[in-house]
Amino acid sequence: MLRIGRSRKGEVFLTSWKGKGRGAYLCPNLSCLNSAKGKRLEHTLRAKVPDSIYEEIEKLLSKEQKSWRAR
């Protein structure tokens, strides 16, 4: 599971730990990312999610899928 957090200042970031502030978990596949994009994830985090976060998640998921295919 991927964790996306929001600091008290409203900054959205990817994290591997449960820190203080609001957060959400996302299953590690592209279909979950596509359904969470936009209003759903922003509503959960109560913050605007920058496109750079979505791009970073897509890169992580594509690397993960390539490593599973190689096995």
PDB file of N, CA and C in Angstrom:
ATOM      1  N   MET A   1       0.838  -1.173   0.000  1.00  0.00           N
ATOM      2  CA  MET A   1       0.000   0.000   0.000  1.00  0.00           C
ATOM      3  C   MET A   1       0.888   1.243   0.000  1.00  0.00           C
ATOM      4  N   LEU A   2       0.438   2.205  -0.725  1.00  0.00           N
ATOM      5  CA  LEU A   2       1.120   3.500  -0.752  1.00  0.00           C
ATOM      6  C   LEU A   2       0.420   4.437   0.213  1.00  0.00           C
ATOM      7  N   ARG A   3       1.175   5.230   0.910  1.00  0.00           N
ATOM      8  CA  ARG A   3       0.581   6.204   1.830  1.00  0.00           C
ATOM      9  C   ARG A   3       0.858   7.601   1.303  1.00  0.00           C
ATOM     10  N   ILE A   4      -0.200   8.376   1.235  1.00  0.00           N
ATOM     11  CA  ILE A   4      -0.110   9.764   0.828  1.00  0.00           C
ATOM     12  C   ILE A   4      -0.524  10.587   2.028  1.00  0.00           C
ATOM     13  N   GLY A   5       0.320  11.515   2.418  1.00  0.00           N
ATOM     14  CA  GLY A   5       0.049  12.299   3.614  1.00  0.00           C
ATOM     15  C   GLY A   5      -0.115  13.771   3.309  1.00  0.00           C
ATOM     16  N   ARG A   6      -0.680  14.458   4.267  1.00  0.00           N
ATOM     17  CA  ARG A   6      -0.801  15.910   4.196  1.00  0.00           C
ATOM     18  C   ARG A   6      -0.355  16.472   5.528  1.00  0.00           C
ATOM     19  N   SER A   7       0.574  17.400   5.459  1.00  0.00           N
ATOM     20  CA  SER A   7       1.062  18.014   6.691  1.00  0.00           C
ATOM     21  C   SER A   7       0.037  19.007   7.207  1.00  0.00           C
ATOM     22  N   ARG A   8       0.270  19.484   8.384  1.00  0.00           N
ATOM     23  CA  ARG A   8      -0.634  20.486   8.959  1.00  0.00           C
ATOM     24  C   ARG A   8      -0.613  21.786   8.174  1.00  0.00           C
ATOM     25  N   LYS A   9       0.470  22.006   7.441  1.00  0.00           N
ATOM     26  CA  LYS A   9       0.585  23.207   6.609  1.00  0.00           C
ATOM     27  C   LYS A   9      -0.116  23.040   5.263  1.00  0.00           C
ATOM     28  N   GLY A  10      -0.595  21.825   4.971  1.00  0.00           N
ATOM     29  CA  GLY A  10      -1.314  21.572   3.726  1.00  0.00           C
ATOM     30  C   GLY A  10      -0.473  20.999   2.604  1.00  0.00           C
ATOM     31  N   GLU A  11       0.776  20.631   2.892  1.00  0.00           N
ATOM     32  CA  GLU A  11       1.652  20.052   1.883  1.00  0.00           C
ATOM     33  C   GLU A  11       1.327  18.567   1.721  1.00  0.00           C
ATOM     34  N   VAL A  12       1.176  18.115   0.485  1.00  0.00           N
ATOM     35  CA  VAL A  12       0.862  16.715   0.189  1.00  0.00           C
ATOM     36  C   VAL A  12       2.153  16.019  -0.219  1.00  0.00           C
ATOM     37  N   PHE A  13       2.358  14.779   0.276  1.00  0.00           N
ATOM     38  CA  PHE A  13       3.602  14.057   0.021  1.00  0.00           C
ATOM     39  C   PHE A  13       3.374  12.563   0.105  1.00  0.00           C
ATOM     40  N   LEU A  14       4.274  11.798  -0.510  1.00  0.00           N
ATOM     41  CA  LEU A  14       4.284  10.343  -0.383  1.00  0.00           C
ATOM     42  C   LEU A  14       5.124   9.984   0.827  1.00  0.00           C
ATOM     43  N   THR A  15       4.703   8.970   1.542  1.00  0.00           N
ATOM     44  CA  THR A  15       5.431   8.577   2.739  1.00  0.00           C
ATOM     45  C   THR A  15       5.325   7.073   2.930  1.00  0.00           C
ATOM     46  N   SER A  16       6.225   6.518   3.702  1.00  0.00           N
ATOM     47  CA  SER A  16       6.174   5.088   4.019  1.00  0.00           C
ATOM     48  C   SER A  16       5.822   4.869   5.481  1.00  0.00           C
ATOM     49  N   TRP A  17       5.498   5.935   6.192  1.00  0.00           N
ATOM     50  CA  TRP A  17       5.177   5.819   7.609  1.00  0.00           C
ATOM     51  C   TRP A  17       3.951   6.657   7.916  1.00  0.00           C
ATOM     52  N   LYS A  18       3.310   6.318   8.993  1.00  0.00           N
ATOM     53  CA  LYS A  18       2.134   7.067   9.402  1.00  0.00           C
ATOM     54  C   LYS A  18       2.585   8.212  10.291  1.00  0.00           C
ATOM     55  N   GLY A  19       2.593   9.381   9.741  1.00  0.00           N
ATOM     56  CA  GLY A  19       3.004  10.553  10.492  1.00  0.00           C
ATOM     57  C   GLY A  19       1.803  11.324  11.008  1.00  0.00           C
ATOM     58  N   LYS A  20       2.074  12.464  11.564  1.00  0.00           N
ATOM     59  CA  LYS A  20       0.994  13.310  12.044  1.00  0.00           C
ATOM     60  C   LYS A  20       0.303  13.957  10.859  1.00  0.00           C
ATOM     61  N   GLY A  21      -0.941  14.267  11.042  1.00  0.00           N
ATOM     62  CA  GLY A  21      -1.706  14.903   9.976  1.00  0.00           C
ATOM     63  C   GLY A  21      -2.630  13.913   9.288  1.00  0.00           C
ATOM     64  N   ARG A  22      -3.251  14.366   8.240  1.00  0.00           N
ATOM     65  CA  ARG A  22      -4.219  13.572   7.498  1.00  0.00           C
ATOM     66  C   ARG A  22      -3.487  12.713   6.485  1.00  0.00           C
ATOM     67  N   GLY A  23      -4.035  11.542   6.175  1.00  0.00           N
ATOM     68  CA  GLY A  23      -3.407  10.670   5.202  1.00  0.00           C
ATOM     69  C   GLY A  23      -4.391   9.737   4.552  1.00  0.00           C
ATOM     70  N   ALA A  24      -3.934   9.070   3.506  1.00  0.00           N
ATOM     71  CA  ALA A  24      -4.753   8.105   2.788  1.00  0.00           C
ATOM     72  C   ALA A  24      -3.851   6.988   2.289  1.00  0.00           C
ATOM     73  N   TYR A  25      -4.412   5.794   2.186  1.00  0.00           N
ATOM     74  CA  TYR A  25      -3.702   4.658   1.621  1.00  0.00           C
ATOM     75  C   TYR A  25      -4.249   4.393   0.234  1.00  0.00           C
ATOM     76  N   LEU A  26      -3.362   3.971  -0.659  1.00  0.00           N
ATOM     77  CA  LEU A  26      -3.736   3.687  -2.032  1.00  0.00           C
ATOM     78  C   LEU A  26      -3.155   2.327  -2.405  1.00  0.00           C
ATOM     79  N   CYS A  27      -3.995   1.455  -2.958  1.00  0.00           N
ATOM     80  CA  CYS A  27      -3.485   0.143  -3.362  1.00  0.00           C
ATOM     81  C   CYS A  27      -2.501   0.323  -4.522  1.00  0.00           C
ATOM     82  N   PRO A  28      -1.523  -0.550  -4.629  1.00  0.00           N
ATOM     83  CA  PRO A  28      -0.434  -0.343  -5.592  1.00  0.00           C
ATOM     84  C   PRO A  28      -0.740  -0.815  -7.016  1.00  0.00           C
ATOM     85  N   ASN A  29      -1.800  -0.289  -7.625  1.00  0.00           N
ATOM     86  CA  ASN A  29      -2.019  -0.541  -9.050  1.00  0.00           C
ATOM     87  C   ASN A  29      -2.643   0.678  -9.705  1.00  0.00           C
ATOM     88  N   LEU A  30      -2.485   0.757 -11.011  1.00  0.00           N
ATOM     89  CA  LEU A  30      -2.902   1.952 -11.743  1.00  0.00           C
ATOM     90  C   LEU A  30      -4.405   2.184 -11.707  1.00  0.00           C
ATOM     91  N   SER A  31      -5.194   1.124 -11.631  1.00  0.00           N
ATOM     92  CA  SER A  31      -6.648   1.320 -11.590  1.00  0.00           C
ATOM     93  C   SER A  31      -7.074   2.039 -10.309  1.00  0.00           C
ATOM     94  N   CYS A  32      -6.416   1.741  -9.198  1.00  0.00           N
ATOM     95  CA  CYS A  32      -6.719   2.458  -7.946  1.00  0.00           C
ATOM     96  C   CYS A  32      -6.311   3.923  -8.061  1.00  0.00           C
ATOM     97  N   LEU A  33      -5.168   4.167  -8.672  1.00  0.00           N
ATOM     98  CA  LEU A  33      -4.714   5.542  -8.848  1.00  0.00           C
ATOM     99  C   LEU A  33      -5.685   6.318  -9.728  1.00  0.00           C
ATOM    100  N   ASN A  34      -6.123   5.706 -10.817  1.00  0.00           N
ATOM    101  CA  ASN A  34      -7.038   6.394 -11.723  1.00  0.00           C
ATOM    102  C   ASN A  34      -8.371   6.709 -11.058  1.00  0.00           C
ATOM    103  N   SER A  35      -8.854   5.821 -10.211  1.00  0.00           N
ATOM    104  CA  SER A  35     -10.131   6.094  -9.542  1.00  0.00           C
ATOM    105  C   SER A  35      -9.972   7.119  -8.415  1.00  0.00           C
ATOM    106  N   ALA A  36      -8.771   7.248  -7.869  1.00  0.00           N
ATOM    107  CA  ALA A  36      -8.547   8.197  -6.767  1.00  0.00           C
ATOM    108  C   ALA A  36      -8.188   9.598  -7.255  1.00  0.00           C
ATOM    109  N   LYS A  37      -7.786   9.707  -8.505  1.00  0.00           N
ATOM    110  CA  LYS A  37      -7.372  11.013  -9.029  1.00  0.00           C
ATOM    111  C   LYS A  37      -8.504  12.025  -8.928  1.00  0.00           C
ATOM    112  N   GLY A  38      -8.110  13.241  -8.688  1.00  0.00           N
ATOM    113  CA  GLY A  38      -9.094  14.317  -8.679  1.00  0.00           C
ATOM    114  C   GLY A  38      -9.811  14.460  -7.355  1.00  0.00           C
ATOM    115  N   LYS A  39     -11.091  14.552  -7.412  1.00  0.00           N
ATOM    116  CA  LYS A  39     -11.904  14.903  -6.245  1.00  0.00           C
ATOM    117  C   LYS A  39     -11.812  13.888  -5.105  1.00  0.00           C
ATOM    118  N   ARG A  40     -11.740  12.603  -5.414  1.00  0.00           N
ATOM    119  CA  ARG A  40     -11.783  11.578  -4.362  1.00  0.00           C
ATOM    120  C   ARG A  40     -10.609  11.707  -3.396  1.00  0.00           C
ATOM    121  N   LEU A  41      -9.407  11.760  -3.918  1.00  0.00           N
ATOM    122  CA  LEU A  41      -8.220  11.864  -3.065  1.00  0.00           C
ATOM    123  C   LEU A  41      -8.142  13.239  -2.413  1.00  0.00           C
ATOM    124  N   GLU A  42      -8.472  14.268  -3.160  1.00  0.00           N
ATOM    125  CA  GLU A  42      -8.445  15.626  -2.602  1.00  0.00           C
ATOM    126  C   GLU A  42      -9.468  15.794  -1.486  1.00  0.00           C
ATOM    127  N   HIS A  43     -10.610  15.153  -1.632  1.00  0.00           N
ATOM    128  CA  HIS A  43     -11.627  15.208  -0.576  1.00  0.00           C
ATOM    129  C   HIS A  43     -11.111  14.514   0.684  1.00  0.00           C
ATOM    130  N   THR A  44     -10.479  13.379   0.518  1.00  0.00           N
ATOM    131  CA  THR A  44      -9.952  12.639   1.666  1.00  0.00           C
ATOM    132  C   THR A  44      -8.872  13.422   2.390  1.00  0.00           C
ATOM    133  N   LEU A  45      -7.968  14.011   1.624  1.00  0.00           N
ATOM    134  CA  LEU A  45      -6.857  14.754   2.223  1.00  0.00           C
ATOM    135  C   LEU A  45      -7.228  16.184   2.605  1.00  0.00           C
ATOM    136  N   ARG A  46      -8.358  16.637   2.094  1.00  0.00           N
ATOM    137  CA  ARG A  46      -8.783  18.026   2.304  1.00  0.00           C
ATOM    138  C   ARG A  46      -7.712  19.005   1.841  1.00  0.00           C
ATOM    139  N   ALA A  47      -7.141  18.695   0.673  1.00  0.00           N
ATOM    140  CA  ALA A  47      -6.092  19.537   0.095  1.00  0.00           C
ATOM    141  C   ALA A  47      -5.995  19.255  -1.397  1.00  0.00           C
ATOM    142  N   LYS A  48      -5.472  20.209  -2.131  1.00  0.00           N
ATOM    143  CA  LYS A  48      -5.209  20.043  -3.562  1.00  0.00           C
ATOM    144  C   LYS A  48      -3.984  19.157  -3.719  1.00  0.00           C
ATOM    145  N   VAL A  49      -4.106  18.102  -4.526  1.00  0.00           N
ATOM    146  CA  VAL A  49      -2.988  17.194  -4.768  1.00  0.00           C
ATOM    147  C   VAL A  49      -2.286  17.648  -6.047  1.00  0.00           C
ATOM    148  N   PRO A  50      -1.015  18.021  -5.961  1.00  0.00           N
ATOM    149  CA  PRO A  50      -0.290  18.481  -7.148  1.00  0.00           C
ATOM    150  C   PRO A  50      -0.109  17.357  -8.167  1.00  0.00           C
ATOM    151  N   ASP A  51      -0.039  17.730  -9.433  1.00  0.00           N
ATOM    152  CA  ASP A  51       0.177  16.743 -10.493  1.00  0.00           C
ATOM    153  C   ASP A  51       1.486  15.993 -10.299  1.00  0.00           C
ATOM    154  N   SER A  52       2.468  16.633  -9.685  1.00  0.00           N
ATOM    155  CA  SER A  52       3.761  15.977  -9.467  1.00  0.00           C
ATOM    156  C   SER A  52       3.621  14.745  -8.569  1.00  0.00           C
ATOM    157  N   ILE A  53       2.680  14.772  -7.637  1.00  0.00           N
ATOM    158  CA  ILE A  53       2.450  13.607  -6.767  1.00  0.00           C
ATOM    159  C   ILE A  53       1.883  12.452  -7.586  1.00  0.00           C
ATOM    160  N   TYR A  54       0.904  12.749  -8.444  1.00  0.00           N
ATOM    161  CA  TYR A  54       0.338  11.704  -9.312  1.00  0.00           C
ATOM    162  C   TYR A  54       1.405  11.128 -10.231  1.00  0.00           C
ATOM    163  N   GLU A  55       2.274  11.972 -10.782  1.00  0.00           N
ATOM    164  CA  GLU A  55       3.350  11.502 -11.655  1.00  0.00           C
ATOM    165  C   GLU A  55       4.325  10.613 -10.893  1.00  0.00           C
ATOM    166  N   GLU A  56       4.647  11.002  -9.669  1.00  0.00           N
ATOM    167  CA  GLU A  56       5.566  10.207  -8.846  1.00  0.00           C
ATOM    168  C   GLU A  56       4.959   8.829  -8.530  1.00  0.00           C
ATOM    169  N   ILE A  57       3.672   8.801  -8.232  1.00  0.00           N
ATOM    170  CA  ILE A  57       2.996   7.530  -7.956  1.00  0.00           C
ATOM    171  C   ILE A  57       2.997   6.650  -9.203  1.00  0.00           C
ATOM    172  N   GLU A  58       2.704   7.237 -10.365  1.00  0.00           N
ATOM    173  CA  GLU A  58       2.709   6.474 -11.616  1.00  0.00           C
ATOM    174  C   GLU A  58       4.080   5.864 -11.887  1.00  0.00           C
ATOM    175  N   LYS A  59       5.145   6.620 -11.641  1.00  0.00           N
ATOM    176  CA  LYS A  59       6.500   6.099 -11.827  1.00  0.00           C
ATOM    177  C   LYS A  59       6.766   4.928 -10.894  1.00  0.00           C
ATOM    178  N   LEU A  60       6.376   5.077  -9.624  1.00  0.00           N
ATOM    179  CA  LEU A  60       6.567   3.993  -8.662  1.00  0.00           C
ATOM    180  C   LEU A  60       5.807   2.740  -9.080  1.00  0.00           C
ATOM    181  N   LEU A  61       4.571   2.917  -9.512  1.00  0.00           N
ATOM    182  CA  LEU A  61       3.755   1.773  -9.893  1.00  0.00           C
ATOM    183  C   LEU A  61       4.273   1.105 -11.158  1.00  0.00           C
ATOM    184  N   SER A  62       4.752   1.878 -12.111  1.00  0.00           N
ATOM    185  CA  SER A  62       5.283   1.280 -13.337  1.00  0.00           C
ATOM    186  C   SER A  62       6.565   0.503 -13.041  1.00  0.00           C
ATOM    187  N   LYS A  63       7.418   1.009 -12.150  1.00  0.00           N
ATOM    188  CA  LYS A  63       8.621   0.272 -11.750  1.00  0.00           C
ATOM    189  C   LYS A  63       8.252  -1.021 -11.048  1.00  0.00           C
ATOM    190  N   GLU A  64       7.242  -0.950 -10.196  1.00  0.00           N
ATOM    191  CA  GLU A  64       6.796  -2.128  -9.452  1.00  0.00           C
ATOM    192  C   GLU A  64       6.244  -3.186 -10.404  1.00  0.00           C
ATOM    193  N   GLN A  65       5.456  -2.768 -11.377  1.00  0.00           N
ATOM    194  CA  GLN A  65       4.885  -3.719 -12.330  1.00  0.00           C
ATOM    195  C   GLN A  65       5.976  -4.363 -13.176  1.00  0.00           C
ATOM    196  N   LYS A  66       6.990  -3.599 -13.552  1.00  0.00           N
ATOM    197  CA  LYS A  66       8.110  -4.163 -14.333  1.00  0.00           C
ATOM    198  C   LYS A  66       8.854  -5.187 -13.513  1.00  0.00           C
ATOM    199  N   SER A  67       9.052  -4.939 -12.231  1.00  0.00           N
ATOM    200  CA  SER A  67       9.775  -5.896 -11.403  1.00  0.00           C
ATOM    201  C   SER A  67       8.966  -7.186 -11.217  1.00  0.00           C
ATOM    202  N   TRP A  68       7.638  -7.080 -11.168  1.00  0.00           N
ATOM    203  CA  TRP A  68       6.804  -8.286 -11.051  1.00  0.00           C
ATOM    204  C   TRP A  68       6.830  -9.086 -12.340  1.00  0.00           C
ATOM    205  N   ARG A  69       6.875  -8.424 -13.480  1.00  0.00           N
ATOM    206  CA  ARG A  69       6.919  -9.127 -14.763  1.00  0.00           C
ATOM    207  C   ARG A  69       8.229  -9.862 -14.949  1.00  0.00           C
ATOM    208  N   ALA A  70       9.318  -9.333 -14.390  1.00  0.00           N
ATOM    209  CA  ALA A  70      10.633  -9.939 -14.533  1.00  0.00           C
ATOM    210  C   ALA A  70      10.768 -11.205 -13.702  1.00  0.00           C
ATOM    211  N   ARG A  71       9.922 -11.399 -12.736  1.00  0.00           N
ATOM    212  CA  ARG A  71      10.050 -12.583 -11.860  1.00  0.00           C
ATOM    213  C   ARG A  71       9.583 -13.826 -12.510  1.00  0.00           C
TER     214      ARG A  71
END
